Amino acid sequence: MSDAEENDKTPAEELAEIVTNALLDEGLILKEDAPHTSREIASGKLRAEDWRLLIEKALDKEASDE
């Protein structure tokens, strides 16, 4: 990502990216869900049900990979 794109992010978008990367690192969300999740975090639109679904999907994937 270029510096110009990085500087165009709002504080909410920057924080959402940090949170999303931390969730990915811990295996709590799937890589394919990350872009959508980051946008939803930044906009404040994720509900409790959304969080639960994201985490359950990641945990189910992890269990099936073992």
PDB file of N, CA and C in Angstrom:
ATOM      1  N   MET A   1       0.859  -1.173   0.000  1.00  0.00           N
ATOM      2  CA  MET A   1       0.000   0.000   0.000  1.00  0.00           C
ATOM      3  C   MET A   1       0.900   1.229   0.000  1.00  0.00           C
ATOM      4  N   SER A   2       0.566   2.226  -0.805  1.00  0.00           N
ATOM      5  CA  SER A   2       1.383   3.428  -0.892  1.00  0.00           C
ATOM      6  C   SER A   2       1.129   4.344   0.292  1.00  0.00           C
ATOM      7  N   ASP A   3       2.070   5.274   0.499  1.00  0.00           N
ATOM      8  CA  ASP A   3       1.915   6.230   1.598  1.00  0.00           C
ATOM      9  C   ASP A   3       0.690   7.098   1.408  1.00  0.00           C
ATOM     10  N   ALA A   4       0.369   7.429   0.157  1.00  0.00           N
ATOM     11  CA  ALA A   4      -0.808   8.267  -0.108  1.00  0.00           C
ATOM     12  C   ALA A   4      -2.086   7.548   0.327  1.00  0.00           C
ATOM     13  N   GLU A   5      -2.177   6.257   0.013  1.00  0.00           N
ATOM     14  CA  GLU A   5      -3.357   5.488   0.427  1.00  0.00           C
ATOM     15  C   GLU A   5      -3.400   5.358   1.943  1.00  0.00           C
ATOM     16  N   GLU A   6      -2.240   5.152   2.552  1.00  0.00           N
ATOM     17  CA  GLU A   6      -2.159   5.009   4.004  1.00  0.00           C
ATOM     18  C   GLU A   6      -2.639   6.280   4.684  1.00  0.00           C
ATOM     19  N   ASN A   7      -2.281   7.434   4.154  1.00  0.00           N
ATOM     20  CA  ASN A   7      -2.646   8.716   4.750  1.00  0.00           C
ATOM     21  C   ASN A   7      -4.099   9.082   4.514  1.00  0.00           C
ATOM     22  N   ASP A   8      -4.752   8.434   3.577  1.00  0.00           N
ATOM     23  CA  ASP A   8      -6.151   8.719   3.282  1.00  0.00           C
ATOM     24  C   ASP A   8      -7.104   8.007   4.235  1.00  0.00           C
ATOM     25  N   LYS A   9      -6.577   7.155   5.087  1.00  0.00           N
ATOM     26  CA  LYS A   9      -7.425   6.406   6.007  1.00  0.00           C
ATOM     27  C   LYS A   9      -7.836   7.275   7.187  1.00  0.00           C
ATOM     28  N   THR A  10      -9.063   7.057   7.618  1.00  0.00           N
ATOM     29  CA  THR A  10      -9.545   7.743   8.814  1.00  0.00           C
ATOM     30  C   THR A  10      -8.962   7.040  10.035  1.00  0.00           C
ATOM     31  N   PRO A  11      -8.990   7.693  11.186  1.00  0.00           N
ATOM     32  CA  PRO A  11      -8.534   7.003  12.406  1.00  0.00           C
ATOM     33  C   PRO A  11      -9.309   5.705  12.660  1.00  0.00           C
ATOM     34  N   ALA A  12     -10.598   5.708  12.381  1.00  0.00           N
ATOM     35  CA  ALA A  12     -11.403   4.495  12.567  1.00  0.00           C
ATOM     36  C   ALA A  12     -10.926   3.373  11.640  1.00  0.00           C
ATOM     37  N   GLU A  13     -10.579   3.720  10.412  1.00  0.00           N
ATOM     38  CA  GLU A  13     -10.096   2.716   9.463  1.00  0.00           C
ATOM     39  C   GLU A  13      -8.732   2.176   9.885  1.00  0.00           C
ATOM     40  N   GLU A  14      -7.872   3.055  10.383  1.00  0.00           N
ATOM     41  CA  GLU A  14      -6.558   2.625  10.848  1.00  0.00           C
ATOM     42  C   GLU A  14      -6.691   1.672  12.039  1.00  0.00           C
ATOM     43  N   LEU A  15      -7.537   2.021  12.981  1.00  0.00           N
ATOM     44  CA  LEU A  15      -7.762   1.163  14.149  1.00  0.00           C
ATOM     45  C   LEU A  15      -8.394  -0.160  13.729  1.00  0.00           C
ATOM     46  N   ALA A  16      -9.353  -0.111  12.821  1.00  0.00           N
ATOM     47  CA  ALA A  16     -10.002  -1.331  12.341  1.00  0.00           C
ATOM     48  C   ALA A  16      -8.990  -2.265  11.692  1.00  0.00           C
ATOM     49  N   GLU A  17      -8.035  -1.708  10.974  1.00  0.00           N
ATOM     50  CA  GLU A  17      -6.997  -2.519  10.344  1.00  0.00           C
ATOM     51  C   GLU A  17      -6.113  -3.192  11.400  1.00  0.00           C
ATOM     52  N   ILE A  18      -5.764  -2.463  12.446  1.00  0.00           N
ATOM     53  CA  ILE A  18      -4.960  -3.024  13.538  1.00  0.00           C
ATOM     54  C   ILE A  18      -5.713  -4.167  14.218  1.00  0.00           C
ATOM     55  N   VAL A  19      -6.986  -3.933  14.510  1.00  0.00           N
ATOM     56  CA  VAL A  19      -7.811  -4.951  15.173  1.00  0.00           C
ATOM     57  C   VAL A  19      -7.964  -6.174  14.271  1.00  0.00           C
ATOM     58  N   THR A  20      -8.239  -5.944  13.008  1.00  0.00           N
ATOM     59  CA  THR A  20      -8.413  -7.047  12.063  1.00  0.00           C
ATOM     60  C   THR A  20      -7.143  -7.887  11.957  1.00  0.00           C
ATOM     61  N   ASN A  21      -5.996  -7.229  11.877  1.00  0.00           N
ATOM     62  CA  ASN A  21      -4.727  -7.964  11.803  1.00  0.00           C
ATOM     63  C   ASN A  21      -4.474  -8.774  13.068  1.00  0.00           C
ATOM     64  N   ALA A  22      -4.823  -8.220  14.214  1.00  0.00           N
ATOM     65  CA  ALA A  22      -4.661  -8.959  15.472  1.00  0.00           C
ATOM     66  C   ALA A  22      -5.575 -10.189  15.495  1.00  0.00           C
ATOM     67  N   LEU A  23      -6.807 -10.032  15.029  1.00  0.00           N
ATOM     68  CA  LEU A  23      -7.737 -11.162  14.962  1.00  0.00           C
ATOM     69  C   LEU A  23      -7.224 -12.242  14.016  1.00  0.00           C
ATOM     70  N   LEU A  24      -6.665 -11.824  12.892  1.00  0.00           N
ATOM     71  CA  LEU A  24      -6.079 -12.779  11.950  1.00  0.00           C
ATOM     72  C   LEU A  24      -4.910 -13.517  12.582  1.00  0.00           C
ATOM     73  N   ASP A  25      -4.037 -12.782  13.238  1.00  0.00           N
ATOM     74  CA  ASP A  25      -2.862 -13.382  13.872  1.00  0.00           C
ATOM     75  C   ASP A  25      -3.248 -14.435  14.902  1.00  0.00           C
ATOM     76  N   GLU A  26      -4.350 -14.220  15.579  1.00  0.00           N
ATOM     77  CA  GLU A  26      -4.810 -15.156  16.616  1.00  0.00           C
ATOM     78  C   GLU A  26      -5.702 -16.261  16.050  1.00  0.00           C
ATOM     79  N   GLY A  27      -5.979 -16.214  14.750  1.00  0.00           N
ATOM     80  CA  GLY A  27      -6.813 -17.234  14.128  1.00  0.00           C
ATOM     81  C   GLY A  27      -8.285 -17.100  14.458  1.00  0.00           C
ATOM     82  N   LEU A  28      -8.712 -15.901  14.827  1.00  0.00           N
ATOM     83  CA  LEU A  28     -10.111 -15.703  15.216  1.00  0.00           C
ATOM     84  C   LEU A  28     -11.011 -15.289  14.060  1.00  0.00           C
ATOM     85  N   ILE A  29     -10.418 -14.911  12.940  1.00  0.00           N
ATOM     86  CA  ILE A  29     -11.190 -14.672  11.719  1.00  0.00           C
ATOM     87  C   ILE A  29     -10.416 -15.275  10.553  1.00  0.00           C
ATOM     88  N   LEU A  30     -11.123 -15.563   9.476  1.00  0.00           N
ATOM     89  CA  LEU A  30     -10.506 -16.122   8.286  1.00  0.00           C
ATOM     90  C   LEU A  30      -9.945 -15.010   7.410  1.00  0.00           C
ATOM     91  N   LYS A  31      -8.887 -15.341   6.673  1.00  0.00           N
ATOM     92  CA  LYS A  31      -8.251 -14.351   5.800  1.00  0.00           C
ATOM     93  C   LYS A  31      -9.251 -13.767   4.796  1.00  0.00           C
ATOM     94  N   GLU A  32     -10.130 -14.623   4.280  1.00  0.00           N
ATOM     95  CA  GLU A  32     -11.088 -14.134   3.287  1.00  0.00           C
ATOM     96  C   GLU A  32     -12.144 -13.198   3.891  1.00  0.00           C
ATOM     97  N   ASP A  33     -12.323 -13.257   5.210  1.00  0.00           N
ATOM     98  CA  ASP A  33     -13.277 -12.366   5.876  1.00  0.00           C
ATOM     99  C   ASP A  33     -12.655 -11.039   6.306  1.00  0.00           C
ATOM    100  N   ALA A  34     -11.338 -10.945   6.250  1.00  0.00           N
ATOM    101  CA  ALA A  34     -10.644  -9.774   6.785  1.00  0.00           C
ATOM    102  C   ALA A  34     -11.043  -8.441   6.136  1.00  0.00           C
ATOM    103  N   PRO A  35     -11.078  -8.326   4.814  1.00  0.00           N
ATOM    104  CA  PRO A  35     -11.417  -7.012   4.230  1.00  0.00           C
ATOM    105  C   PRO A  35     -12.812  -6.525   4.639  1.00  0.00           C
ATOM    106  N   HIS A  36     -13.768  -7.423   4.574  1.00  0.00           N
ATOM    107  CA  HIS A  36     -15.138  -7.069   4.952  1.00  0.00           C
ATOM    108  C   HIS A  36     -15.203  -6.719   6.443  1.00  0.00           C
ATOM    109  N   THR A  37     -14.533  -7.526   7.246  1.00  0.00           N
ATOM    110  CA  THR A  37     -14.533  -7.300   8.689  1.00  0.00           C
ATOM    111  C   THR A  37     -13.937  -5.951   9.029  1.00  0.00           C
ATOM    112  N   SER A  38     -12.833  -5.618   8.398  1.00  0.00           N
ATOM    113  CA  SER A  38     -12.186  -4.335   8.660  1.00  0.00           C
ATOM    114  C   SER A  38     -13.112  -3.169   8.328  1.00  0.00           C
ATOM    115  N   ARG A  39     -13.788  -3.258   7.190  1.00  0.00           N
ATOM    116  CA  ARG A  39     -14.735  -2.186   6.809  1.00  0.00           C
ATOM    117  C   ARG A  39     -15.881  -2.090   7.810  1.00  0.00           C
ATOM    118  N   GLU A  40     -16.396  -3.239   8.224  1.00  0.00           N
ATOM    119  CA  GLU A  40     -17.516  -3.247   9.165  1.00  0.00           C
ATOM    120  C   GLU A  40     -17.103  -2.728  10.547  1.00  0.00           C
ATOM    121  N   ILE A  41     -15.890  -3.063  10.982  1.00  0.00           N
ATOM    122  CA  ILE A  41     -15.396  -2.544  12.261  1.00  0.00           C
ATOM    123  C   ILE A  41     -15.288  -1.028  12.178  1.00  0.00           C
ATOM    124  N   ALA A  42     -14.699  -0.538  11.107  1.00  0.00           N
ATOM    125  CA  ALA A  42     -14.503   0.912  10.940  1.00  0.00           C
ATOM    126  C   ALA A  42     -15.827   1.662  10.926  1.00  0.00           C
ATOM    127  N   SER A  43     -16.842   1.049  10.350  1.00  0.00           N
ATOM    128  CA  SER A  43     -18.141   1.725  10.256  1.00  0.00           C
ATOM    129  C   SER A  43     -19.011   1.503  11.489  1.00  0.00           C
ATOM    130  N   GLY A  44     -18.583   0.592  12.361  1.00  0.00           N
ATOM    131  CA  GLY A  44     -19.347   0.318  13.580  1.00  0.00           C
ATOM    132  C   GLY A  44     -20.592  -0.515  13.343  1.00  0.00           C
ATOM    133  N   LYS A  45     -20.615  -1.266  12.255  1.00  0.00           N
ATOM    134  CA  LYS A  45     -21.819  -2.009  11.883  1.00  0.00           C
ATOM    135  C   LYS A  45     -21.832  -3.466  12.325  1.00  0.00           C
ATOM    136  N   LEU A  46     -20.744  -3.968  12.913  1.00  0.00           N
ATOM    137  CA  LEU A  46     -20.735  -5.360  13.352  1.00  0.00           C
ATOM    138  C   LEU A  46     -21.564  -5.521  14.616  1.00  0.00           C
ATOM    139  N   ARG A  47     -22.478  -6.467  14.572  1.00  0.00           N
ATOM    140  CA  ARG A  47     -23.309  -6.776  15.734  1.00  0.00           C
ATOM    141  C   ARG A  47     -22.724  -7.988  16.440  1.00  0.00           C
ATOM    142  N   ALA A  48     -23.230  -8.292  17.609  1.00  0.00           N
ATOM    143  CA  ALA A  48     -22.748  -9.449  18.370  1.00  0.00           C
ATOM    144  C   ALA A  48     -22.860 -10.723  17.530  1.00  0.00           C
ATOM    145  N   GLU A  49     -23.938 -10.860  16.788  1.00  0.00           N
ATOM    146  CA  GLU A  49     -24.144 -12.045  15.956  1.00  0.00           C
ATOM    147  C   GLU A  49     -23.079 -12.144  14.864  1.00  0.00           C
ATOM    148  N   ASP A  50     -22.679 -10.997  14.326  1.00  0.00           N
ATOM    149  CA  ASP A  50     -21.654 -10.976  13.282  1.00  0.00           C
ATOM    150  C   ASP A  50     -20.307 -11.447  13.832  1.00  0.00           C
ATOM    151  N   TRP A  51     -19.956 -10.925  15.025  1.00  0.00           N
ATOM    152  CA  TRP A  51     -18.709 -11.343  15.666  1.00  0.00           C
ATOM    153  C   TRP A  51     -18.721 -12.848  15.910  1.00  0.00           C
ATOM    154  N   ARG A  52     -19.823 -13.337  16.415  1.00  0.00           N
ATOM    155  CA  ARG A  52     -19.933 -14.764  16.731  1.00  0.00           C
ATOM    156  C   ARG A  52     -19.758 -15.607  15.469  1.00  0.00           C
ATOM    157  N   LEU A  53     -20.423 -15.226  14.389  1.00  0.00           N
ATOM    158  CA  LEU A  53     -20.326 -15.964  13.137  1.00  0.00           C
ATOM    159  C   LEU A  53     -18.898 -15.966  12.610  1.00  0.00           C
ATOM    160  N   LEU A  54     -18.237 -14.818  12.639  1.00  0.00           N
ATOM    161  CA  LEU A  54     -16.851 -14.732  12.161  1.00  0.00           C
ATOM    162  C   LEU A  54     -15.948 -15.682  12.936  1.00  0.00           C
ATOM    163  N   ILE A  55     -16.072 -15.664  14.243  1.00  0.00           N
ATOM    164  CA  ILE A  55     -15.210 -16.498  15.083  1.00  0.00           C
ATOM    165  C   ILE A  55     -15.556 -17.973  14.932  1.00  0.00           C
ATOM    166  N   GLU A  56     -16.842 -18.294  14.880  1.00  0.00           N
ATOM    167  CA  GLU A  56     -17.243 -19.698  14.697  1.00  0.00           C
ATOM    168  C   GLU A  56     -16.727 -20.246  13.370  1.00  0.00           C
ATOM    169  N   LYS A  57     -16.794 -19.445  12.310  1.00  0.00           N
ATOM    170  CA  LYS A  57     -16.283 -19.886  11.009  1.00  0.00           C
ATOM    171  C   LYS A  57     -14.796 -20.199  11.093  1.00  0.00           C
ATOM    172  N   ALA A  58     -14.046 -19.331  11.753  1.00  0.00           N
ATOM    173  CA  ALA A  58     -12.596 -19.534  11.867  1.00  0.00           C
ATOM    174  C   ALA A  58     -12.289 -20.771  12.705  1.00  0.00           C
ATOM    175  N   LEU A  59     -13.000 -20.960  13.799  1.00  0.00           N
ATOM    176  CA  LEU A  59     -12.769 -22.107  14.654  1.00  0.00           C
ATOM    177  C   LEU A  59     -13.164 -23.411  13.960  1.00  0.00           C
ATOM    178  N   ASP A  60     -14.275 -23.376  13.207  1.00  0.00           N
ATOM    179  CA  ASP A  60     -14.693 -24.562  12.451  1.00  0.00           C
ATOM    180  C   ASP A  60     -13.654 -24.925  11.396  1.00  0.00           C
ATOM    181  N   LYS A  61     -13.119 -23.938  10.722  1.00  0.00           N
ATOM    182  CA  LYS A  61     -12.088 -24.162   9.692  1.00  0.00           C
ATOM    183  C   LYS A  61     -10.848 -24.764  10.348  1.00  0.00           C
ATOM    184  N   GLU A  62     -10.458 -24.215  11.492  1.00  0.00           N
ATOM    185  CA  GLU A  62      -9.283 -24.732  12.198  1.00  0.00           C
ATOM    186  C   GLU A  62      -9.491 -26.179  12.613  1.00  0.00           C
ATOM    187  N   ALA A  63     -10.670 -26.507  13.110  1.00  0.00           N
ATOM    188  CA  ALA A  63     -10.970 -27.869  13.546  1.00  0.00           C
ATOM    189  C   ALA A  63     -10.968 -28.837  12.352  1.00  0.00           C
ATOM    190  N   SER A  64     -11.470 -28.392  11.224  1.00  0.00           N
ATOM    191  CA  SER A  64     -11.522 -29.276  10.058  1.00  0.00           C
ATOM    192  C   SER A  64     -10.143 -29.455   9.420  1.00  0.00           C
ATOM    193  N   ASP A  65      -9.232 -28.517   9.653  1.00  0.00           N
ATOM    194  CA  ASP A  65      -7.883 -28.624   9.115  1.00  0.00           C
ATOM    195  C   ASP A  65      -6.989 -29.555   9.951  1.00  0.00           C
ATOM    196  N   GLU A  66      -7.411 -29.865  11.159  1.00  0.00           N
ATOM    197  CA  GLU A  66      -6.589 -30.702  12.040  1.00  0.00           C
ATOM    198  C   GLU A  66      -6.769 -32.171  11.761  1.00  0.00           C
TER     199      GLU A  66
END
